[in-house]
PDB file of all heavy atoms in Angstrom:
ATOM      1  N   THR A   1       0.842  -1.186   0.000  1.00  0.00           N
ATOM      2  CA  THR A   1       0.000   0.000   0.000  1.00  0.00           C
ATOM      3  C   THR A   1       0.874   1.230   0.000  1.00  0.00           C
ATOM      4  O   THR A   1       1.851   1.320   0.742  1.00  0.00           O
ATOM      5  CB  THR A   1      -0.905   0.024   1.246  1.00  0.00           C
ATOM      6  OG1 THR A   1      -1.690  -1.169   1.258  1.00  0.00           O
ATOM      7  CG2 THR A   1      -1.813   1.243   1.243  1.00  0.00           C
ATOM      8  N   ARG A   2       0.551   2.173  -0.818  1.00  0.00           N
ATOM      9  CA  ARG A   2       1.332   3.405  -0.880  1.00  0.00           C
ATOM     10  C   ARG A   2       1.165   4.178   0.418  1.00  0.00           C
ATOM     11  O   ARG A   2       0.062   4.346   0.918  1.00  0.00           O
ATOM     12  CB  ARG A   2       0.885   4.262  -2.058  1.00  0.00           C
ATOM     13  CG  ARG A   2       1.045   3.570  -3.402  1.00  0.00           C
ATOM     14  CD  ARG A   2       0.380   4.370  -4.494  1.00  0.00           C
ATOM     15  NE  ARG A   2       0.358   3.611  -5.742  1.00  0.00           N
ATOM     16  CZ  ARG A   2      -0.331   3.980  -6.812  1.00  0.00           C
ATOM     17  NH1 ARG A   2      -1.055   5.077  -6.771  1.00  0.00           N
ATOM     18  NH2 ARG A   2      -0.302   3.264  -7.909  1.00  0.00           N
ATOM     19  N   SER A   3       2.272   4.657   0.921  1.00  0.00           N
ATOM     20  CA  SER A   3       2.235   5.409   2.179  1.00  0.00           C
ATOM     21  C   SER A   3       2.468   6.883   1.920  1.00  0.00           C
ATOM     22  O   SER A   3       3.012   7.283   0.895  1.00  0.00           O
ATOM     23  CB  SER A   3       3.321   4.870   3.130  1.00  0.00           C
ATOM     24  OG  SER A   3       4.599   5.030   2.551  1.00  0.00           O
ATOM     25  N   ARG A   4       2.049   7.702   2.876  1.00  0.00           N
ATOM     26  CA  ARG A   4       2.247   9.147   2.792  1.00  0.00           C
ATOM     27  C   ARG A   4       2.957   9.592   4.054  1.00  0.00           C
ATOM     28  O   ARG A   4       2.694   9.098   5.143  1.00  0.00           O
ATOM     29  CB  ARG A   4       0.916   9.883   2.632  1.00  0.00           C
ATOM     30  CG  ARG A   4       0.139   9.486   1.394  1.00  0.00           C
ATOM     31  CD  ARG A   4      -1.109  10.331   1.251  1.00  0.00           C
ATOM     32  NE  ARG A   4      -0.817  11.707   0.929  1.00  0.00           N
ATOM     33  CZ  ARG A   4      -0.649  12.154  -0.314  1.00  0.00           C
ATOM     34  NH1 ARG A   4      -0.722  11.321  -1.323  1.00  0.00           N
ATOM     35  NH2 ARG A   4      -0.397  13.425  -0.528  1.00  0.00           N
ATOM     36  N   THR A   5       3.851  10.533   3.921  1.00  0.00           N
ATOM     37  CA  THR A   5       4.583  11.057   5.071  1.00  0.00           C
ATOM     38  C   THR A   5       4.249  12.523   5.254  1.00  0.00           C
ATOM     39  O   THR A   5       4.027  13.260   4.287  1.00  0.00           O
ATOM     40  CB  THR A   5       6.096  10.895   4.860  1.00  0.00           C
ATOM     41  OG1 THR A   5       6.472  11.558   3.647  1.00  0.00           O
ATOM     42  CG2 THR A   5       6.475   9.415   4.759  1.00  0.00           C
ATOM     43  N   ARG A   6       4.211  12.978   6.507  1.00  0.00           N
ATOM     44  CA  ARG A   6       3.907  14.377   6.799  1.00  0.00           C
ATOM     45  C   ARG A   6       5.212  15.132   6.996  1.00  0.00           C
ATOM     46  O   ARG A   6       6.078  14.712   7.747  1.00  0.00           O
ATOM     47  CB  ARG A   6       3.031  14.498   8.043  1.00  0.00           C
ATOM     48  CG  ARG A   6       2.731  15.937   8.439  1.00  0.00           C
ATOM     49  CD  ARG A   6       1.682  15.992   9.530  1.00  0.00           C
ATOM     50  NE  ARG A   6       0.395  15.549   9.068  1.00  0.00           N
ATOM     51  CZ  ARG A   6      -0.457  16.322   8.382  1.00  0.00           C
ATOM     52  NH1 ARG A   6      -0.123  17.564   8.071  1.00  0.00           N
ATOM     53  NH2 ARG A   6      -1.614  15.852   8.002  1.00  0.00           N
ATOM     54  N   THR A   7       5.326  16.230   6.311  1.00  0.00           N
ATOM     55  CA  THR A   7       6.492  17.091   6.442  1.00  0.00           C
ATOM     56  C   THR A   7       6.026  18.465   6.861  1.00  0.00           C
ATOM     57  O   THR A   7       4.829  18.725   7.042  1.00  0.00           O
ATOM     58  CB  THR A   7       7.250  17.194   5.109  1.00  0.00           C
ATOM     59  OG1 THR A   7       6.431  17.921   4.178  1.00  0.00           O
ATOM     60  CG2 THR A   7       7.567  15.812   4.556  1.00  0.00           C
ATOM     61  N   GLY A   8       6.974  19.385   6.991  1.00  0.00           N
ATOM     62  CA  GLY A   8       6.611  20.742   7.362  1.00  0.00           C
ATOM     63  C   GLY A   8       5.759  21.410   6.311  1.00  0.00           C
ATOM     64  O   GLY A   8       5.072  22.393   6.585  1.00  0.00           O
ATOM     65  N   ASP A   9       5.816  20.921   5.092  1.00  0.00           N
ATOM     66  CA  ASP A   9       5.017  21.503   4.014  1.00  0.00           C
ATOM     67  C   ASP A   9       3.683  20.790   3.837  1.00  0.00           C
ATOM     68  O   ASP A   9       2.976  21.016   2.863  1.00  0.00           O
ATOM     69  CB  ASP A   9       5.793  21.431   2.698  1.00  0.00           C
ATOM     70  CG  ASP A   9       7.075  22.248   2.771  1.00  0.00           C
ATOM     71  OD1 ASP A   9       7.057  23.286   3.445  1.00  0.00           O
ATOM     72  OD2 ASP A   9       8.081  21.805   2.169  1.00  0.00           O
ATOM     73  N   GLY A  10       3.334  19.887   4.772  1.00  0.00           N
ATOM     74  CA  GLY A  10       2.085  19.151   4.656  1.00  0.00           C
ATOM     75  C   GLY A  10       2.328  17.747   4.168  1.00  0.00           C
ATOM     76  O   GLY A  10       3.449  17.266   4.119  1.00  0.00           O
ATOM     77  N   ASP A  11       1.241  17.049   3.796  1.00  0.00           N
ATOM     78  CA  ASP A  11       1.345  15.681   3.315  1.00  0.00           C
ATOM     79  C   ASP A  11       2.011  15.639   1.949  1.00  0.00           C
ATOM     80  O   ASP A  11       1.627  16.377   1.041  1.00  0.00           O
ATOM     81  CB  ASP A  11      -0.048  15.040   3.215  1.00  0.00           C
ATOM     82  CG  ASP A  11      -0.594  14.692   4.592  1.00  0.00           C
ATOM     83  OD1 ASP A  11       0.207  14.620   5.540  1.00  0.00           O
ATOM     84  OD2 ASP A  11      -1.814  14.510   4.685  1.00  0.00           O
ATOM     85  N   GLN A  12       2.999  14.765   1.818  1.00  0.00           N
ATOM     86  CA  GLN A  12       3.654  14.563   0.532  1.00  0.00           C
ATOM     87  C   GLN A  12       3.806  13.083   0.296  1.00  0.00           C
ATOM     88  O   GLN A  12       4.078  12.327   1.226  1.00  0.00           O
ATOM     89  CB  GLN A  12       5.037  15.224   0.506  1.00  0.00           C
ATOM     90  CG  GLN A  12       4.984  16.753   0.559  1.00  0.00           C
ATOM     91  CD  GLN A  12       6.380  17.352   0.460  1.00  0.00           C
ATOM     92  OE1 GLN A  12       7.363  16.647   0.646  1.00  0.00           O
ATOM     93  NE2 GLN A  12       6.447  18.629   0.151  1.00  0.00           N
ATOM     94  N   ALA A  13       3.651  12.656  -0.940  1.00  0.00           N
ATOM     95  CA  ALA A  13       3.846  11.245  -1.266  1.00  0.00           C
ATOM     96  C   ALA A  13       5.315  10.922  -1.142  1.00  0.00           C
ATOM     97  O   ALA A  13       6.179  11.731  -1.481  1.00  0.00           O
ATOM     98  CB  ALA A  13       3.362  10.957  -2.693  1.00  0.00           C
ATOM     99  N   ASP A  14       5.625   9.728  -0.622  1.00  0.00           N
ATOM    100  CA  ASP A  14       7.023   9.323  -0.537  1.00  0.00           C
ATOM    101  C   ASP A  14       7.540   8.961  -1.920  1.00  0.00           C
ATOM    102  O   ASP A  14       6.804   8.955  -2.911  1.00  0.00           O
ATOM    103  CB  ASP A  14       7.229   8.170   0.457  1.00  0.00           C
ATOM    104  CG  ASP A  14       6.461   6.926   0.087  1.00  0.00           C
ATOM    105  OD1 ASP A  14       6.061   6.799  -1.096  1.00  0.00           O
ATOM    106  OD2 ASP A  14       6.262   6.087   0.978  1.00  0.00           O
ATOM    107  N   GLU A  15       8.835   8.684  -2.003  1.00  0.00           N
ATOM    108  CA  GLU A  15       9.460   8.469  -3.307  1.00  0.00           C
ATOM    109  C   GLU A  15       8.839   7.301  -4.042  1.00  0.00           C
ATOM    110  O   GLU A  15       8.609   7.367  -5.246  1.00  0.00           O
ATOM    111  CB  GLU A  15      10.961   8.214  -3.107  1.00  0.00           C
ATOM    112  CG  GLU A  15      11.720   8.039  -4.396  1.00  0.00           C
ATOM    113  CD  GLU A  15      13.210   7.871  -4.157  1.00  0.00           C
ATOM    114  OE1 GLU A  15      13.632   8.049  -3.006  1.00  0.00           O
ATOM    115  OE2 GLU A  15      13.912   7.553  -5.125  1.00  0.00           O
ATOM    116  N   GLU A  16       8.504   6.222  -3.298  1.00  0.00           N
ATOM    117  CA  GLU A  16       7.923   5.045  -3.953  1.00  0.00           C
ATOM    118  C   GLU A  16       6.574   5.366  -4.556  1.00  0.00           C
ATOM    119  O   GLU A  16       6.257   4.980  -5.668  1.00  0.00           O
ATOM    120  CB  GLU A  16       7.781   3.910  -2.939  1.00  0.00           C
ATOM    121  CG  GLU A  16       7.132   2.670  -3.533  1.00  0.00           C
ATOM    122  CD  GLU A  16       6.948   1.591  -2.481  1.00  0.00           C
ATOM    123  OE1 GLU A  16       7.352   1.800  -1.329  1.00  0.00           O
ATOM    124  OE2 GLU A  16       6.391   0.534  -2.836  1.00  0.00           O
ATOM    125  N   GLU A  17       5.746   6.105  -3.805  1.00  0.00           N
ATOM    126  CA  GLU A  17       4.412   6.439  -4.310  1.00  0.00           C
ATOM    127  C   GLU A  17       4.503   7.344  -5.517  1.00  0.00           C
ATOM    128  O   GLU A  17       3.786   7.178  -6.505  1.00  0.00           O
ATOM    129  CB  GLU A  17       3.601   7.120  -3.214  1.00  0.00           C
ATOM    130  CG  GLU A  17       2.206   7.523  -3.690  1.00  0.00           C
ATOM    131  CD  GLU A  17       1.390   8.189  -2.607  1.00  0.00           C
ATOM    132  OE1 GLU A  17       1.942   8.441  -1.529  1.00  0.00           O
ATOM    133  OE2 GLU A  17       0.207   8.459  -2.847  1.00  0.00           O
ATOM    134  N   ALA A  18       5.401   8.340  -5.472  1.00  0.00           N
ATOM    135  CA  ALA A  18       5.534   9.258  -6.586  1.00  0.00           C
ATOM    136  C   ALA A  18       5.967   8.522  -7.841  1.00  0.00           C
ATOM    137  O   ALA A  18       5.455   8.771  -8.936  1.00  0.00           O
ATOM    138  CB  ALA A  18       6.546  10.349  -6.238  1.00  0.00           C
ATOM    139  N   SER A  19       6.903   7.598  -7.686  1.00  0.00           N
ATOM    140  CA  SER A  19       7.373   6.828  -8.829  1.00  0.00           C
ATOM    141  C   SER A  19       6.264   5.975  -9.406  1.00  0.00           C
ATOM    142  O   SER A  19       6.076   5.905 -10.621  1.00  0.00           O
ATOM    143  CB  SER A  19       8.559   5.950  -8.405  1.00  0.00           C
ATOM    144  OG  SER A  19       8.950   5.119  -9.465  1.00  0.00           O
ATOM    145  N   GLN A  20       5.485   5.314  -8.525  1.00  0.00           N
ATOM    146  CA  GLN A  20       4.412   4.449  -8.995  1.00  0.00           C
ATOM    147  C   GLN A  20       3.302   5.248  -9.651  1.00  0.00           C
ATOM    148  O   GLN A  20       2.712   4.850 -10.653  1.00  0.00           O
ATOM    149  CB  GLN A  20       3.851   3.640  -7.830  1.00  0.00           C
ATOM    150  CG  GLN A  20       2.807   2.621  -8.240  1.00  0.00           C
ATOM    151  CD  GLN A  20       3.387   1.584  -9.169  1.00  0.00           C
ATOM    152  OE1 GLN A  20       4.387   0.933  -8.847  1.00  0.00           O
ATOM    153  NE2 GLN A  20       2.794   1.426 -10.338  1.00  0.00           N
ATOM    154  N   THR A  21       2.995   6.427  -9.067  1.00  0.00           N
ATOM    155  CA  THR A  21       1.950   7.268  -9.633  1.00  0.00           C
ATOM    156  C   THR A  21       2.316   7.693 -11.045  1.00  0.00           C
ATOM    157  O   THR A  21       1.491   7.684 -11.960  1.00  0.00           O
ATOM    158  CB  THR A  21       1.725   8.507  -8.748  1.00  0.00           C
ATOM    159  OG1 THR A  21       1.345   8.087  -7.450  1.00  0.00           O
ATOM    160  CG2 THR A  21       0.647   9.403  -9.326  1.00  0.00           C
ATOM    161  N   ALA A  22       3.587   8.084 -11.242  1.00  0.00           N
ATOM    162  CA  ALA A  22       4.029   8.472 -12.578  1.00  0.00           C
ATOM    163  C   ALA A  22       3.931   7.314 -13.542  1.00  0.00           C
ATOM    164  O   ALA A  22       3.515   7.465 -14.696  1.00  0.00           O
ATOM    165  CB  ALA A  22       5.476   8.979 -12.512  1.00  0.00           C
ATOM    166  N   SER A  23       4.295   6.117 -13.077  1.00  0.00           N
ATOM    167  CA  SER A  23       4.212   4.922 -13.920  1.00  0.00           C
ATOM    168  C   SER A  23       2.776   4.634 -14.311  1.00  0.00           C
ATOM    169  O   SER A  23       2.474   4.330 -15.458  1.00  0.00           O
ATOM    170  CB  SER A  23       4.818   3.724 -13.180  1.00  0.00           C
ATOM    171  OG  SER A  23       4.665   2.551 -13.921  1.00  0.00           O
ATOM    172  N   ASP A  24       1.853   4.728 -13.327  1.00  0.00           N
ATOM    173  CA  ASP A  24       0.441   4.488 -13.610  1.00  0.00           C
ATOM    174  C   ASP A  24      -0.093   5.499 -14.616  1.00  0.00           C
ATOM    175  O   ASP A  24      -0.882   5.169 -15.512  1.00  0.00           O
ATOM    176  CB  ASP A  24      -0.377   4.566 -12.319  1.00  0.00           C
ATOM    177  CG  ASP A  24      -0.125   3.376 -11.408  1.00  0.00           C
ATOM    178  OD1 ASP A  24       0.498   2.402 -11.886  1.00  0.00           O
ATOM    179  OD2 ASP A  24      -0.524   3.427 -10.239  1.00  0.00           O
ATOM    180  N   PHE A  25       0.343   6.755 -14.470  1.00  0.00           N
ATOM    181  CA  PHE A  25      -0.138   7.809 -15.367  1.00  0.00           C
ATOM    182  C   PHE A  25       0.293   7.536 -16.798  1.00  0.00           C
ATOM    183  O   PHE A  25      -0.500   7.612 -17.736  1.00  0.00           O
ATOM    184  CB  PHE A  25       0.397   9.164 -14.905  1.00  0.00           C
ATOM    185  CG  PHE A  25       0.052  10.301 -15.835  1.00  0.00           C
ATOM    186  CD1 PHE A  25      -1.212  10.877 -15.826  1.00  0.00           C
ATOM    187  CD2 PHE A  25       0.988  10.800 -16.732  1.00  0.00           C
ATOM    188  CE1 PHE A  25      -1.539  11.896 -16.692  1.00  0.00           C
ATOM    189  CE2 PHE A  25       0.670  11.821 -17.597  1.00  0.00           C
ATOM    190  CZ  PHE A  25      -0.586  12.382 -17.574  1.00  0.00           C
ATOM    191  N   LEU A  26       1.580   7.198 -16.969  1.00  0.00           N
ATOM    192  CA  LEU A  26       2.079   6.929 -18.306  1.00  0.00           C
ATOM    193  C   LEU A  26       1.403   5.715 -18.918  1.00  0.00           C
ATOM    194  O   LEU A  26       1.078   5.692 -20.107  1.00  0.00           O
ATOM    195  CB  LEU A  26       3.596   6.714 -18.256  1.00  0.00           C
ATOM    196  CG  LEU A  26       4.424   7.973 -17.957  1.00  0.00           C
ATOM    197  CD1 LEU A  26       5.889   7.600 -17.782  1.00  0.00           C
ATOM    198  CD2 LEU A  26       4.272   9.003 -19.064  1.00  0.00           C
ATOM    199  N   GLU A  27       1.174   4.663 -18.104  1.00  0.00           N
ATOM    200  CA  GLU A  27       0.538   3.452 -18.614  1.00  0.00           C
ATOM    201  C   GLU A  27      -0.883   3.747 -19.067  1.00  0.00           C
ATOM    202  O   GLU A  27      -1.371   3.233 -20.063  1.00  0.00           O
ATOM    203  CB  GLU A  27       0.541   2.372 -17.542  1.00  0.00           C
ATOM    204  CG  GLU A  27       0.042   1.022 -18.013  1.00  0.00           C
ATOM    205  CD  GLU A  27       1.000   0.376 -18.996  1.00  0.00           C
ATOM    206  OE1 GLU A  27       2.182   0.758 -19.028  1.00  0.00           O
ATOM    207  OE2 GLU A  27       0.551  -0.509 -19.749  1.00  0.00           O
ATOM    208  N   THR A  28      -1.580   4.618 -18.312  1.00  0.00           N
ATOM    209  CA  THR A  28      -2.953   4.981 -18.664  1.00  0.00           C
ATOM    210  C   THR A  28      -2.986   5.740 -19.984  1.00  0.00           C
ATOM    211  O   THR A  28      -3.860   5.537 -20.829  1.00  0.00           O
ATOM    212  CB  THR A  28      -3.572   5.841 -17.552  1.00  0.00           C
ATOM    213  OG1 THR A  28      -3.583   5.101 -16.345  1.00  0.00           O
ATOM    214  CG2 THR A  28      -5.002   6.238 -17.913  1.00  0.00           C
ATOM    215  N   LYS A  29      -1.995   6.627 -20.163  1.00  0.00           N
ATOM    216  CA  LYS A  29      -1.981   7.449 -21.359  1.00  0.00           C
ATOM    217  C   LYS A  29      -1.623   6.660 -22.612  1.00  0.00           C
ATOM    218  O   LYS A  29      -2.216   6.849 -23.671  1.00  0.00           O
ATOM    219  CB  LYS A  29      -0.980   8.596 -21.182  1.00  0.00           C
ATOM    220  CG  LYS A  29      -1.429   9.648 -20.176  1.00  0.00           C
ATOM    221  CD  LYS A  29      -2.687  10.350 -20.654  1.00  0.00           C
ATOM    222  CE  LYS A  29      -3.100  11.462 -19.698  1.00  0.00           C
ATOM    223  NZ  LYS A  29      -4.351  12.104 -20.127  1.00  0.00           N
ATOM    224  N   ARG A  30      -0.630   5.777 -22.497  1.00  0.00           N
ATOM    225  CA  ARG A  30      -0.156   5.115 -23.695  1.00  0.00           C
ATOM    226  C   ARG A  30      -0.766   3.746 -23.910  1.00  0.00           C
ATOM    227  O   ARG A  30      -0.699   3.183 -24.990  1.00  0.00           O
ATOM    228  CB  ARG A  30       1.362   4.980 -23.649  1.00  0.00           C
ATOM    229  CG  ARG A  30       1.877   4.013 -22.608  1.00  0.00           C
ATOM    230  CD  ARG A  30       3.368   4.055 -22.514  1.00  0.00           C
ATOM    231  NE  ARG A  30       3.847   3.158 -21.468  1.00  0.00           N
ATOM    232  CZ  ARG A  30       4.904   3.402 -20.728  1.00  0.00           C
ATOM    233  NH1 ARG A  30       5.585   4.513 -20.881  1.00  0.00           N
ATOM    234  NH2 ARG A  30       5.311   2.537 -19.810  1.00  0.00           N
ATOM    235  N   GLY A  31      -1.391   3.166 -22.841  1.00  0.00           N
ATOM    236  CA  GLY A  31      -1.987   1.850 -22.955  1.00  0.00           C
ATOM    237  C   GLY A  31      -0.939   0.773 -22.939  1.00  0.00           C
ATOM    238  O   GLY A  31       0.264   1.043 -22.841  1.00  0.00           O
ATOM    239  N   PRO A  32      -1.349  -0.500 -23.051  1.00  0.00           N
ATOM    240  CA  PRO A  32      -0.410  -1.616 -23.048  1.00  0.00           C
ATOM    241  C   PRO A  32       0.555  -1.540 -24.217  1.00  0.00           C
ATOM    242  O   PRO A  32       0.225  -1.050 -25.288  1.00  0.00           O
ATOM    243  CB  PRO A  32      -1.319  -2.853 -23.156  1.00  0.00           C
ATOM    244  CG  PRO A  32      -2.668  -2.380 -22.732  1.00  0.00           C
ATOM    245  CD  PRO A  32      -2.735  -0.943 -23.126  1.00  0.00           C
ATOM    246  N   SER A  33       1.764  -2.008 -24.009  1.00  0.00           N
ATOM    247  CA  SER A  33       2.765  -2.007 -25.061  1.00  0.00           C
ATOM    248  C   SER A  33       2.325  -2.888 -26.215  1.00  0.00           C
ATOM    249  O   SER A  33       1.890  -4.013 -26.020  1.00  0.00           O
ATOM    250  CB  SER A  33       4.100  -2.530 -24.510  1.00  0.00           C
ATOM    251  OG  SER A  33       4.995  -2.770 -25.569  1.00  0.00           O
TER     252      SER A  33
END
C-alpha cells in the first residue's frame, strides 16, 4: 500500500508512491505495449 509522510510543508507522497503514480499515469496514457 502506498504510504504518505507528513512534512513541514504538509502531506507529501514518498518516493515510492511518486514513482508508482508516474508509472500508472504513463501506462494509462499510452496503454499496453
